[in-house]
Amino acid sequence: DARYGALDAAAERHGAVAVLLGHTRDDQAETVLLGLARGSGIRSLSGMAAVSGHRRRYRRPFLELDRQTARKACMVQALPVWDDPHNADPAYTRSRLRHEGLPALEKALGKGVVEALARTAQLSRDDADALDTWAADADTAVRDETGHLECAKLYALPPAVRRRVLRRAVIDAGSPAGSLFARHIEEVDRLITGWRGQGAINLPGRVEARRQSGRLVIRQG
C-alpha cells in the first residue's frame, strides 16, 4: 500500500519508534463489513489490529472511540481535522459503505451496528490468533523427514487449521500474500480432500502445488 510505504519512509527518516493512526471504531466496522463481503474468512473479519506493522510500528489508539467523538475532541482542542476527499467519492467501495451501507443497516437494525461490528472484529481476531498458533504447531507434525507435507496427515486436521497450514506453505514457497485469496487455498485443499488425480494448481507468484506419491509438493516454477 502506497500510503503505508510513505509512512514507513517518513518514520525511518525521522527515527520514529511509532506511528499513530487515527482509525476509529467506525473505520473498524467498515473494515469488517468489507471483509465479510469478500468472503475471505475469519481473519478478514478481525479488522485492524491495535498494533501492527514492522517492529509493531503502527498504533491505532482510537479504535474503541467513535468517529464523531474523535472529531469533537479535535475541535475542543483546536486541532485541525483533514478530510480525505476519497472518503466522499462514491466511486470507492468504502465511501459507498460509509455513506449508504452503514446508515441503511442502522435504519433497518437499529443503533448499535457499529459497536457490534467492532466487537465482532475483536472476537474474530482472538479466534484467528488461536487458529494461527494451532496451525503453526501442526505444520511440523504433518511433514515427513524431507520436509514435504503428507496428505494423509493434512487430511486429519480440522479444515480451518489445514487451510492455514496450506496458506503458510504457499506463501513460504514464494506466493505474494496480498495476491493469495481463499479460492486459491480451496483449490490446493481439494488436492487433499477431493483427490481424483487432478493436475498441478497454478498459484500467484509462479508457485505450483502438486500431489505426488501421497505428498503435497509446493514450489516456485
Protein backbone atom coordinates (compact mmCIF):
# COMPACT_ATOMS: atom_id res chain seq x y z
CA ASP A 1 0.00 0.00 0.00
CA ALA A 2 1.48 3.33 -1.11
CA ARG A 3 0.25 5.18 1.98
CA TYR A 4 1.98 2.83 4.40
CA GLY A 5 5.08 2.92 2.23
CA ALA A 6 5.15 6.72 2.58
CA LEU A 7 4.58 6.48 6.34
CA ASP A 8 7.38 3.92 6.66
CA ALA A 9 9.75 6.18 4.75
CA ALA A 10 8.83 9.17 6.94
CA ALA A 11 9.24 7.11 10.12
CA GLU A 12 12.69 5.95 9.05
CA ARG A 13 13.67 9.48 8.08
CA HIS A 14 12.68 10.88 11.47
CA GLY A 15 13.72 7.89 13.54
CA ALA A 16 10.16 7.39 14.80
CA VAL A 17 9.53 4.40 17.05
CA ALA A 18 5.77 4.50 16.46
CA VAL A 19 3.29 5.97 14.01
CA LEU A 20 -0.12 6.79 15.47
CA LEU A 21 -3.04 6.28 13.11
CA GLY A 22 -6.46 7.87 13.51
CA HIS A 23 -8.67 4.89 12.69
CA THR A 24 -11.82 4.86 14.81
CA ARG A 25 -14.47 2.32 15.73
CA ASP A 26 -16.44 3.37 12.64
CA ASP A 27 -13.46 2.58 10.42
CA GLN A 28 -13.20 -0.80 12.11
CA ALA A 29 -16.87 -1.55 11.42
CA GLU A 30 -16.40 -0.67 7.74
CA THR A 31 -13.35 -2.92 7.52
CA VAL A 32 -15.30 -5.86 9.00
CA LEU A 33 -18.14 -5.41 6.50
CA LEU A 34 -15.71 -5.18 3.59
CA GLY A 35 -14.05 -8.39 4.76
CA LEU A 36 -17.44 -10.08 5.06
CA ALA A 37 -18.32 -9.04 1.50
CA ARG A 38 -15.06 -10.53 0.20
CA GLY A 39 -15.75 -13.84 1.92
CA SER A 40 -12.10 -14.09 2.94
CA GLY A 41 -12.57 -15.91 6.23
CA ILE A 42 -12.30 -15.08 9.90
CA ARG A 43 -9.01 -13.19 9.62
CA SER A 44 -10.61 -10.60 7.34
CA LEU A 45 -13.41 -10.18 9.90
CA SER A 46 -10.87 -9.35 12.59
CA GLY A 47 -10.44 -5.89 11.12
CA MET A 48 -7.48 -3.71 12.00
CA ALA A 49 -5.16 -4.59 14.87
CA ALA A 50 -4.48 -2.03 17.58
CA VAL A 51 -0.76 -2.64 16.96
CA SER A 52 0.64 -3.85 13.64
CA GLY A 53 3.36 -3.47 11.06
CA HIS A 54 7.10 -3.95 11.01
CA ARG A 55 8.50 -3.69 14.54
CA ARG A 56 4.92 -3.08 15.74
CA ARG A 57 5.29 0.44 14.38
CA TYR A 58 1.65 1.25 13.69
CA ARG A 59 -0.58 2.07 16.65
CA ARG A 60 -4.32 2.72 16.50
CA PRO A 61 -5.27 4.24 19.86
CA PHE A 62 -8.78 5.33 18.80
CA LEU A 63 -10.27 2.01 17.68
CA GLU A 64 -12.66 1.99 20.63
CA LEU A 65 -13.72 5.59 20.00
CA ASP A 66 -16.44 6.54 17.52
CA ARG A 67 -15.62 8.96 14.70
CA GLN A 68 -17.93 11.73 15.92
CA THR A 69 -16.38 11.78 19.40
CA ALA A 70 -12.87 11.84 17.92
CA ARG A 71 -13.81 14.77 15.70
CA LYS A 72 -15.38 16.69 18.62
CA ALA A 73 -12.27 16.11 20.73
CA CYS A 74 -10.14 17.66 17.99
CA MET A 75 -12.44 20.67 17.77
CA VAL A 76 -12.35 21.23 21.54
CA GLN A 77 -8.54 21.23 21.46
CA ALA A 78 -8.40 23.37 18.30
CA LEU A 79 -6.70 20.60 16.36
CA PRO A 80 -7.17 20.79 12.58
CA VAL A 81 -9.14 17.92 11.03
CA TRP A 82 -8.33 16.97 7.45
CA ASP A 83 -10.99 15.14 5.47
CA ASP A 84 -9.66 12.81 2.79
CA PRO A 85 -11.66 13.64 -0.37
CA HIS A 86 -11.62 9.95 -1.32
CA ASN A 87 -13.90 9.29 1.65
CA ALA A 88 -16.68 11.26 -0.03
CA ASP A 89 -16.18 9.84 -3.52
CA PRO A 90 -18.88 7.23 -4.34
CA ALA A 91 -16.51 5.66 -6.85
CA TYR A 92 -14.85 3.93 -3.89
CA THR A 93 -16.50 0.97 -2.17
CA ARG A 94 -15.59 2.13 1.34
CA SER A 95 -17.13 5.53 0.66
CA ARG A 96 -20.40 3.97 -0.51
CA LEU A 97 -20.41 1.72 2.53
CA ARG A 98 -19.83 4.68 4.85
CA HIS A 99 -22.48 6.97 3.39
CA GLU A 100 -25.06 4.45 2.19
CA GLY A 101 -24.45 0.94 3.50
CA LEU A 102 -23.93 1.51 7.23
CA PRO A 103 -26.74 4.10 7.54
CA ALA A 104 -29.08 1.63 5.81
CA LEU A 105 -28.06 -1.13 8.22
CA GLU A 106 -28.64 1.11 11.23
CA LYS A 107 -32.02 2.14 9.85
CA ALA A 108 -33.03 -1.50 9.38
CA LEU A 109 -31.46 -2.99 12.51
CA GLY A 110 -31.35 -0.04 14.89
CA LYS A 111 -28.48 1.73 16.60
CA GLY A 112 -25.53 -0.27 17.81
CA VAL A 113 -24.49 -1.84 14.50
CA VAL A 114 -21.08 -0.14 14.53
CA GLU A 115 -20.39 -1.23 18.10
CA ALA A 116 -21.47 -4.81 17.32
CA LEU A 117 -19.23 -4.98 14.25
CA ALA A 118 -16.26 -3.64 16.20
CA ARG A 119 -16.90 -6.24 18.91
CA THR A 120 -17.05 -8.92 16.22
CA ALA A 121 -13.64 -7.77 14.99
CA GLN A 122 -12.05 -8.34 18.40
CA LEU A 123 -13.70 -11.74 18.91
CA SER A 124 -12.68 -12.81 15.40
CA ARG A 125 -9.12 -11.67 16.00
CA ASP A 126 -8.88 -13.74 19.17
CA ASP A 127 -10.18 -16.82 17.34
CA ALA A 128 -7.93 -16.25 14.31
CA ASP A 129 -4.86 -15.83 16.52
CA ALA A 130 -5.64 -19.12 18.29
CA LEU A 131 -6.10 -20.95 14.98
CA ASP A 132 -2.86 -19.49 13.62
CA THR A 133 -0.99 -20.77 16.68
CA TRP A 134 -2.57 -24.21 16.26
CA ALA A 135 -1.61 -24.26 12.58
CA ALA A 136 1.98 -23.26 13.33
CA ASP A 137 2.28 -26.16 15.77
CA ALA A 138 0.64 -28.57 13.30
CA ASP A 139 2.93 -27.56 10.44
CA THR A 140 5.86 -29.58 11.78
CA ALA A 141 3.73 -32.60 12.65
CA VAL A 142 2.35 -33.03 9.10
CA ARG A 143 5.74 -33.06 7.36
CA ASP A 144 7.90 -36.07 6.54
CA GLU A 145 11.65 -36.32 7.12
CA THR A 146 12.33 -34.43 3.87
CA GLY A 147 10.07 -31.55 4.84
CA HIS A 148 7.24 -32.36 2.43
CA LEU A 149 3.63 -32.14 3.57
CA GLU A 150 1.98 -35.54 3.98
CA CYS A 151 -1.53 -35.63 2.55
CA ALA A 152 -2.92 -38.20 4.99
CA LYS A 153 -1.81 -36.14 7.99
CA LEU A 154 -3.15 -32.95 6.42
CA TYR A 155 -6.50 -34.65 5.81
CA ALA A 156 -6.76 -35.49 9.52
CA LEU A 157 -6.51 -31.82 10.55
CA PRO A 158 -9.62 -29.69 11.12
CA PRO A 159 -10.34 -27.76 7.88
CA ALA A 160 -9.64 -24.33 9.40
CA VAL A 161 -6.23 -25.48 10.65
CA ARG A 162 -5.38 -27.34 7.44
CA ARG A 163 -6.13 -24.32 5.25
CA ARG A 164 -3.85 -22.19 7.40
CA VAL A 165 -1.03 -24.71 7.06
CA LEU A 166 -1.54 -24.71 3.28
CA ARG A 167 -1.64 -20.93 3.04
CA ARG A 168 1.56 -20.62 5.04
CA ALA A 169 3.28 -23.23 2.84
CA VAL A 170 2.21 -21.46 -0.36
CA ILE A 171 3.47 -18.09 0.90
CA ASP A 172 6.75 -19.65 2.05
CA ALA A 173 7.16 -21.04 -1.48
CA GLY A 174 7.04 -17.51 -2.90
CA SER A 175 3.40 -16.62 -3.47
CA PRO A 176 2.64 -12.98 -2.51
CA ALA A 177 0.27 -12.91 0.46
CA GLY A 178 -1.66 -9.97 -0.98
CA SER A 179 -2.43 -11.88 -4.18
CA LEU A 180 -3.41 -15.12 -2.47
CA PHE A 181 -7.15 -15.49 -1.96
CA ALA A 182 -9.45 -18.04 -0.36
CA ARG A 183 -10.28 -19.60 -3.74
CA HIS A 184 -6.59 -20.38 -4.30
CA ILE A 185 -6.30 -22.19 -0.98
CA GLU A 186 -9.56 -24.04 -1.64
CA GLU A 187 -8.10 -25.39 -4.89
CA VAL A 188 -4.99 -26.59 -3.09
CA ASP A 189 -7.15 -28.06 -0.33
CA ARG A 190 -9.00 -30.16 -2.90
CA LEU A 191 -5.72 -31.93 -3.64
CA ILE A 192 -6.09 -33.24 -0.09
CA THR A 193 -9.83 -33.65 0.39
CA GLY A 194 -11.07 -34.23 -3.17
CA TRP A 195 -8.20 -36.08 -4.81
CA ARG A 196 -9.19 -37.52 -8.20
CA GLY A 197 -5.84 -37.47 -9.93
CA GLN A 198 -6.08 -33.80 -10.92
CA GLY A 199 -3.02 -31.95 -12.15
CA ALA A 200 -0.99 -29.17 -10.61
CA ILE A 201 -2.58 -26.00 -9.25
CA ASN A 202 -1.06 -22.75 -10.52
CA LEU A 203 -0.88 -20.04 -7.86
CA PRO A 204 0.19 -16.37 -7.75
CA GLY A 205 3.93 -15.76 -7.91
CA ARG A 206 4.52 -18.66 -10.31
CA VAL A 207 4.03 -21.12 -7.45
CA GLU A 208 2.75 -24.60 -8.23
CA ALA A 209 1.07 -27.10 -5.90
CA ARG A 210 1.03 -30.75 -6.92
CA ARG A 211 0.20 -34.04 -5.21
CA GLN A 212 2.86 -36.70 -5.70
CA SER A 213 3.05 -40.12 -4.03
CA GLY A 214 0.89 -39.07 -1.10
CA ARG A 215 2.79 -35.85 -0.53
CA LEU A 216 1.95 -32.27 -1.35
CA VAL A 217 4.75 -30.56 -3.23
CA ILE A 218 4.59 -26.76 -3.35
CA ARG A 219 7.33 -24.92 -5.18
CA GLN A 220 8.04 -21.97 -7.40
CA GLY A 221 8.35 -22.88 -11.07
